[in-house]
Amino acid sequence: QVQLVEFGGGLVQAGTSLTLSCAASGRTFSSYAMAWFRQAPGKEREFVAAISWSGGSTNYADSVKGRFTISRDNAKNMVLLQMNSLKPEDSAVYSCAAGRTSVTTRYSDYTYWGRGTQVTVSS
C-alpha cells in the first residue's frame, strides 16, 4: 500500500513558477507509475502529467506541455511537478496518484491518491 501527501501549493501570480511535491510512504513506491491530476471547481478531474516507475518515460497533457515537468526521486519516495509560466486556468486542486499502468492518462488506472493541494494563479 502507498500513502501520498502533496504539498507546495499556494497563491501565485500569472507567469511565475511553483513546484509541487508528493511524498509517498511504502517500500514499493519505486514500482509504481506516478501522476498528477487536477480539478477546478465545477470541472472534471483532468490529467496533468505522469512518469514511469523508473522515470524514463513521461506523459503530459497538451495544456501543460512545455511548461510543466514531472520528475521523481525513488530514493526519497518523492514526485515533483515543476510548473512554469503559470496561467489563471492552471488554478485547481492538484493531486498525485500511484498506479501500476505506466504513464496512463486515465484516472481509473491509478490506485492510490493523495488529498490534494490548492494552486491558485492570479491574473
N, C-alpha and C. Protein backbone atom coordinates (compact mmCIF):
# COMPACT_ATOMS: atom_id res chain seq x y z
N GLN A 1 0.84 -1.18 0.00
CA GLN A 1 0.00 0.00 0.00
C GLN A 1 0.88 1.24 0.00
N VAL A 2 0.38 2.28 -0.65
CA VAL A 2 1.12 3.54 -0.76
C VAL A 2 0.24 4.67 -0.25
N GLN A 3 0.79 5.49 0.61
CA GLN A 3 0.10 6.69 1.08
C GLN A 3 0.80 7.91 0.49
N LEU A 4 0.01 8.86 0.03
CA LEU A 4 0.54 10.01 -0.68
C LEU A 4 0.10 11.30 -0.01
N VAL A 5 1.04 12.23 0.12
CA VAL A 5 0.74 13.54 0.69
C VAL A 5 1.37 14.60 -0.20
N GLU A 6 0.54 15.52 -0.67
CA GLU A 6 1.04 16.60 -1.52
C GLU A 6 1.28 17.86 -0.70
N PHE A 7 2.23 18.65 -1.14
CA PHE A 7 2.45 19.96 -0.54
C PHE A 7 3.14 20.86 -1.56
N GLY A 8 3.12 22.15 -1.25
CA GLY A 8 3.76 23.12 -2.12
C GLY A 8 2.81 24.03 -2.86
N GLY A 9 1.51 23.83 -2.70
CA GLY A 9 0.56 24.69 -3.37
C GLY A 9 0.53 26.08 -2.74
N GLY A 10 -0.19 26.98 -3.39
CA GLY A 10 -0.29 28.33 -2.86
C GLY A 10 -0.90 29.27 -3.87
N LEU A 11 -0.84 30.56 -3.53
CA LEU A 11 -1.34 31.63 -4.39
C LEU A 11 -0.15 32.31 -5.06
N VAL A 12 -0.15 32.30 -6.39
CA VAL A 12 0.95 32.90 -7.14
C VAL A 12 0.38 33.76 -8.27
N GLN A 13 1.23 34.61 -8.82
CA GLN A 13 0.81 35.46 -9.93
C GLN A 13 1.06 34.75 -11.26
N ALA A 14 0.27 35.10 -12.24
CA ALA A 14 0.45 34.54 -13.57
C ALA A 14 1.86 34.82 -14.07
N GLY A 15 2.43 33.84 -14.75
CA GLY A 15 3.76 33.98 -15.30
C GLY A 15 4.88 33.50 -14.39
N THR A 16 4.54 33.22 -13.16
CA THR A 16 5.55 32.76 -12.22
C THR A 16 5.59 31.23 -12.17
N SER A 17 6.44 30.71 -11.27
CA SER A 17 6.64 29.27 -11.17
C SER A 17 6.29 28.75 -9.78
N LEU A 18 6.01 27.47 -9.73
CA LEU A 18 5.69 26.81 -8.47
C LEU A 18 6.05 25.35 -8.61
N THR A 19 6.57 24.76 -7.54
CA THR A 19 6.88 23.33 -7.56
C THR A 19 6.04 22.60 -6.52
N LEU A 20 5.32 21.61 -6.98
CA LEU A 20 4.55 20.75 -6.08
C LEU A 20 5.34 19.50 -5.77
N SER A 21 5.20 19.03 -4.54
CA SER A 21 5.86 17.80 -4.13
C SER A 21 4.82 16.80 -3.65
N CYS A 22 5.14 15.54 -3.86
CA CYS A 22 4.28 14.46 -3.39
C CYS A 22 5.18 13.47 -2.66
N ALA A 23 4.94 13.33 -1.36
CA ALA A 23 5.72 12.40 -0.55
C ALA A 23 4.95 11.10 -0.41
N ALA A 24 5.63 10.00 -0.66
CA ALA A 24 4.99 8.69 -0.62
C ALA A 24 5.56 7.83 0.48
N SER A 25 4.71 7.07 1.11
CA SER A 25 5.16 6.09 2.09
C SER A 25 5.01 4.71 1.47
N GLY A 26 5.75 3.76 1.98
CA GLY A 26 5.66 2.41 1.45
C GLY A 26 6.92 2.00 0.72
N ARG A 27 7.35 0.79 0.96
CA ARG A 27 8.60 0.32 0.38
C ARG A 27 8.49 -0.01 -1.10
N THR A 28 7.27 -0.06 -1.64
CA THR A 28 7.09 -0.42 -3.04
C THR A 28 6.89 0.79 -3.94
N PHE A 29 7.17 1.97 -3.43
CA PHE A 29 6.94 3.20 -4.20
C PHE A 29 7.60 3.13 -5.57
N SER A 30 8.83 2.64 -5.62
CA SER A 30 9.57 2.65 -6.88
C SER A 30 8.98 1.74 -7.93
N SER A 31 8.04 0.90 -7.58
CA SER A 31 7.42 0.01 -8.55
C SER A 31 6.16 0.60 -9.18
N TYR A 32 5.77 1.78 -8.76
CA TYR A 32 4.54 2.42 -9.24
C TYR A 32 4.84 3.55 -10.22
N ALA A 33 4.00 3.62 -11.25
CA ALA A 33 3.96 4.84 -12.04
C ALA A 33 3.24 5.90 -11.22
N MET A 34 3.62 7.14 -11.41
CA MET A 34 3.05 8.24 -10.65
C MET A 34 2.48 9.29 -11.59
N ALA A 35 1.48 9.99 -11.12
CA ALA A 35 0.86 11.01 -11.96
C ALA A 35 0.34 12.16 -11.11
N TRP A 36 0.12 13.26 -11.79
CA TRP A 36 -0.57 14.41 -11.21
C TRP A 36 -1.86 14.64 -12.00
N PHE A 37 -2.93 14.87 -11.25
CA PHE A 37 -4.21 15.27 -11.82
C PHE A 37 -4.61 16.57 -11.15
N ARG A 38 -5.54 17.27 -11.76
CA ARG A 38 -6.05 18.50 -11.14
C ARG A 38 -7.54 18.60 -11.36
N GLN A 39 -8.18 19.33 -10.47
CA GLN A 39 -9.62 19.55 -10.60
C GLN A 39 -9.96 20.95 -10.14
N ALA A 40 -10.56 21.70 -11.03
CA ALA A 40 -11.01 23.05 -10.72
C ALA A 40 -12.49 22.99 -10.34
N PRO A 41 -12.98 23.97 -9.60
CA PRO A 41 -14.39 23.97 -9.19
C PRO A 41 -15.33 23.90 -10.40
N GLY A 42 -16.26 22.98 -10.34
CA GLY A 42 -17.23 22.84 -11.41
C GLY A 42 -16.73 22.12 -12.63
N LYS A 43 -15.51 21.63 -12.57
CA LYS A 43 -14.93 20.92 -13.73
C LYS A 43 -14.56 19.50 -13.34
N GLU A 44 -14.41 18.66 -14.36
CA GLU A 44 -14.00 17.28 -14.10
C GLU A 44 -12.50 17.21 -13.81
N ARG A 45 -12.14 16.12 -13.15
CA ARG A 45 -10.72 15.89 -12.88
C ARG A 45 -9.97 15.74 -14.21
N GLU A 46 -8.81 16.34 -14.27
CA GLU A 46 -8.05 16.42 -15.52
C GLU A 46 -6.64 15.88 -15.32
N PHE A 47 -6.19 15.04 -16.25
CA PHE A 47 -4.83 14.54 -16.23
C PHE A 47 -3.86 15.69 -16.50
N VAL A 48 -2.75 15.69 -15.77
CA VAL A 48 -1.74 16.73 -15.96
C VAL A 48 -0.43 16.12 -16.49
N ALA A 49 0.11 15.16 -15.74
CA ALA A 49 1.40 14.57 -16.13
C ALA A 49 1.57 13.22 -15.45
N ALA A 50 2.37 12.36 -16.05
CA ALA A 50 2.66 11.05 -15.48
C ALA A 50 4.10 10.68 -15.74
N ILE A 51 4.62 9.80 -14.89
CA ILE A 51 6.01 9.36 -15.03
C ILE A 51 6.07 7.88 -14.68
N SER A 52 6.88 7.14 -15.43
CA SER A 52 7.00 5.71 -15.21
C SER A 52 7.76 5.43 -13.93
N TRP A 53 7.77 4.16 -13.52
CA TRP A 53 8.41 3.79 -12.26
C TRP A 53 9.90 4.14 -12.25
N SER A 54 10.53 4.06 -13.41
CA SER A 54 11.97 4.34 -13.48
C SER A 54 12.27 5.81 -13.75
N GLY A 55 11.24 6.53 -14.17
CA GLY A 55 11.47 7.92 -14.56
C GLY A 55 11.85 8.07 -16.02
N GLY A 56 11.95 6.97 -16.72
CA GLY A 56 12.40 7.00 -18.10
C GLY A 56 11.36 7.43 -19.10
N SER A 57 10.10 7.35 -18.73
CA SER A 57 9.01 7.76 -19.61
C SER A 57 8.12 8.76 -18.91
N THR A 58 7.69 9.76 -19.65
CA THR A 58 6.78 10.76 -19.11
C THR A 58 5.67 11.03 -20.12
N ASN A 59 4.59 11.60 -19.64
CA ASN A 59 3.45 11.93 -20.47
C ASN A 59 2.83 13.20 -19.92
N TYR A 60 2.43 14.10 -20.80
CA TYR A 60 1.88 15.39 -20.37
C TYR A 60 0.59 15.70 -21.12
N ALA A 61 -0.30 16.39 -20.44
CA ALA A 61 -1.46 16.95 -21.11
C ALA A 61 -1.00 18.06 -22.05
N ASP A 62 -1.69 18.22 -23.16
CA ASP A 62 -1.30 19.25 -24.12
C ASP A 62 -1.31 20.64 -23.49
N SER A 63 -2.20 20.85 -22.55
CA SER A 63 -2.35 22.17 -21.94
C SER A 63 -1.16 22.57 -21.08
N VAL A 64 -0.32 21.61 -20.68
CA VAL A 64 0.82 21.93 -19.83
C VAL A 64 2.15 21.58 -20.47
N LYS A 65 2.11 20.95 -21.63
CA LYS A 65 3.34 20.52 -22.30
C LYS A 65 4.23 21.73 -22.57
N GLY A 66 5.50 21.60 -22.20
CA GLY A 66 6.44 22.69 -22.39
C GLY A 66 6.51 23.65 -21.21
N ARG A 67 5.55 23.58 -20.32
CA ARG A 67 5.54 24.46 -19.14
C ARG A 67 5.76 23.68 -17.84
N PHE A 68 5.22 22.46 -17.78
CA PHE A 68 5.33 21.65 -16.57
C PHE A 68 6.32 20.51 -16.79
N THR A 69 7.00 20.12 -15.70
CA THR A 69 7.91 18.98 -15.74
C THR A 69 7.68 18.09 -14.54
N ILE A 70 7.46 16.81 -14.80
CA ILE A 70 7.30 15.85 -13.72
C ILE A 70 8.61 15.09 -13.54
N SER A 71 8.97 14.82 -12.29
CA SER A 71 10.18 14.06 -12.01
C SER A 71 9.96 13.26 -10.74
N ARG A 72 10.85 12.33 -10.48
CA ARG A 72 10.73 11.51 -9.28
C ARG A 72 12.11 11.18 -8.74
N ASP A 73 12.14 10.95 -7.43
CA ASP A 73 13.35 10.51 -6.76
C ASP A 73 12.96 9.29 -5.94
N ASN A 74 13.25 8.11 -6.47
CA ASN A 74 12.82 6.88 -5.79
C ASN A 74 13.55 6.66 -4.47
N ALA A 75 14.74 7.20 -4.35
CA ALA A 75 15.48 7.06 -3.10
C ALA A 75 14.81 7.83 -1.98
N LYS A 76 14.13 8.92 -2.35
CA LYS A 76 13.46 9.76 -1.35
C LYS A 76 11.95 9.58 -1.34
N ASN A 77 11.44 8.69 -2.17
CA ASN A 77 9.99 8.47 -2.27
C ASN A 77 9.25 9.77 -2.57
N MET A 78 9.72 10.49 -3.56
CA MET A 78 9.15 11.81 -3.88
C MET A 78 8.86 11.92 -5.37
N VAL A 79 7.79 12.64 -5.66
CA VAL A 79 7.47 13.02 -7.02
C VAL A 79 7.28 14.54 -7.04
N LEU A 80 7.85 15.18 -8.03
CA LEU A 80 7.77 16.63 -8.13
C LEU A 80 7.03 17.03 -9.40
N LEU A 81 6.38 18.17 -9.33
CA LEU A 81 5.79 18.79 -10.51
C LEU A 81 6.25 20.24 -10.55
N GLN A 82 7.18 20.51 -11.45
CA GLN A 82 7.68 21.87 -11.65
C GLN A 82 6.75 22.56 -12.63
N MET A 83 6.15 23.67 -12.20
CA MET A 83 5.19 24.38 -13.03
C MET A 83 5.72 25.77 -13.34
N ASN A 84 5.95 26.04 -14.61
CA ASN A 84 6.46 27.34 -15.05
C ASN A 84 5.40 28.07 -15.87
N SER A 85 5.58 29.36 -16.00
CA SER A 85 4.67 30.19 -16.82
C SER A 85 3.21 29.90 -16.48
N LEU A 86 2.92 29.96 -15.21
CA LEU A 86 1.57 29.61 -14.75
C LEU A 86 0.53 30.58 -15.29
N LYS A 87 -0.65 30.04 -15.54
CA LYS A 87 -1.78 30.81 -16.06
C LYS A 87 -2.95 30.69 -15.09
N PRO A 88 -3.85 31.65 -15.12
CA PRO A 88 -5.04 31.54 -14.24
C PRO A 88 -5.81 30.24 -14.45
N GLU A 89 -5.82 29.73 -15.66
CA GLU A 89 -6.55 28.49 -15.92
C GLU A 89 -5.85 27.25 -15.35
N ASP A 90 -4.66 27.43 -14.80
CA ASP A 90 -3.99 26.33 -14.09
C ASP A 90 -4.48 26.20 -12.65
N SER A 91 -5.28 27.13 -12.20
CA SER A 91 -5.80 27.10 -10.83
C SER A 91 -6.67 25.87 -10.63
N ALA A 92 -6.37 25.10 -9.58
CA ALA A 92 -7.09 23.86 -9.31
C ALA A 92 -6.51 23.22 -8.05
N VAL A 93 -7.17 22.16 -7.61
CA VAL A 93 -6.58 21.29 -6.59
C VAL A 93 -5.79 20.22 -7.34
N TYR A 94 -4.50 20.12 -7.00
CA TYR A 94 -3.62 19.17 -7.66
C TYR A 94 -3.41 17.96 -6.75
N SER A 95 -3.61 16.78 -7.32
CA SER A 95 -3.47 15.54 -6.56
C SER A 95 -2.48 14.62 -7.25
N CYS A 96 -1.68 13.93 -6.45
CA CYS A 96 -0.81 12.93 -7.04
C CYS A 96 -1.44 11.55 -6.86
N ALA A 97 -1.04 10.64 -7.72
CA ALA A 97 -1.64 9.31 -7.74
C ALA A 97 -0.59 8.28 -8.11
N ALA A 98 -0.79 7.06 -7.65
CA ALA A 98 0.12 5.95 -7.93
C ALA A 98 -0.66 4.81 -8.56
N GLY A 99 -0.06 4.21 -9.58
CA GLY A 99 -0.73 3.09 -10.24
C GLY A 99 0.27 2.17 -10.92
N ARG A 100 -0.24 1.03 -11.39
CA ARG A 100 0.63 0.02 -11.99
C ARG A 100 0.76 0.18 -13.50
N THR A 101 -0.15 0.95 -14.12
CA THR A 101 -0.12 1.11 -15.58
C THR A 101 0.70 2.34 -15.93
N SER A 102 1.77 2.16 -16.63
CA SER A 102 2.73 3.23 -16.83
C SER A 102 2.21 4.38 -17.67
N VAL A 103 2.38 5.58 -17.16
CA VAL A 103 2.10 6.87 -17.79
C VAL A 103 0.73 6.96 -18.47
N THR A 104 -0.23 6.24 -17.93
CA THR A 104 -1.58 6.34 -18.47
C THR A 104 -2.22 7.66 -18.06
N THR A 105 -3.16 8.13 -18.88
CA THR A 105 -3.86 9.37 -18.57
C THR A 105 -5.19 9.13 -17.86
N ARG A 106 -5.59 7.89 -17.73
CA ARG A 106 -6.90 7.55 -17.14
C ARG A 106 -6.82 7.51 -15.62
N TYR A 107 -7.66 8.29 -14.97
CA TYR A 107 -7.60 8.31 -13.51
C TYR A 107 -7.99 6.96 -12.93
N SER A 108 -8.80 6.18 -13.64
CA SER A 108 -9.23 4.87 -13.13
C SER A 108 -8.08 3.87 -13.07
N ASP A 109 -6.96 4.17 -13.74
CA ASP A 109 -5.80 3.28 -13.71
C ASP A 109 -4.93 3.49 -12.48
N TYR A 110 -5.24 4.50 -11.71
CA TYR A 110 -4.43 4.82 -10.52
C TYR A 110 -5.15 4.36 -9.27
N THR A 111 -4.41 3.67 -8.42
CA THR A 111 -5.00 3.01 -7.26
C THR A 111 -4.97 3.89 -6.01
N TYR A 112 -3.88 4.60 -5.82
CA TYR A 112 -3.69 5.37 -4.59
C TYR A 112 -3.67 6.87 -4.92
N TRP A 113 -4.31 7.65 -4.04
CA TRP A 113 -4.45 9.08 -4.27
C TRP A 113 -4.14 9.87 -3.02
N GLY A 114 -3.53 11.03 -3.22
CA GLY A 114 -3.38 11.97 -2.14
C GLY A 114 -4.62 12.85 -2.03
N ARG A 115 -4.65 13.69 -1.03
CA ARG A 115 -5.83 14.53 -0.79
C ARG A 115 -5.78 15.83 -1.58
N GLY A 116 -4.61 16.17 -2.10
CA GLY A 116 -4.51 17.33 -2.97
C GLY A 116 -3.98 18.57 -2.29
N THR A 117 -3.49 19.49 -3.11
CA THR A 117 -3.01 20.78 -2.65
C THR A 117 -3.53 21.85 -3.61
N GLN A 118 -3.97 22.97 -3.06
CA GLN A 118 -4.59 24.01 -3.87
C GLN A 118 -3.55 24.90 -4.53
N VAL A 119 -3.72 25.12 -5.81
CA VAL A 119 -2.91 26.08 -6.55
C VAL A 119 -3.85 27.14 -7.11
N THR A 120 -3.57 28.39 -6.80
CA THR A 120 -4.37 29.49 -7.31
C THR A 120 -3.44 30.48 -8.02
N VAL A 121 -3.75 30.76 -9.27
CA VAL A 121 -2.94 31.66 -10.08
C VAL A 121 -3.75 32.91 -10.37
N SER A 122 -3.26 34.03 -9.89
CA SER A 122 -3.97 35.29 -10.10
C SER A 122 -3.48 35.98 -11.36
N SER A 123 -4.38 36.69 -12.01
CA SER A 123 -4.02 37.37 -13.26
C SER A 123 -3.48 38.77 -13.01
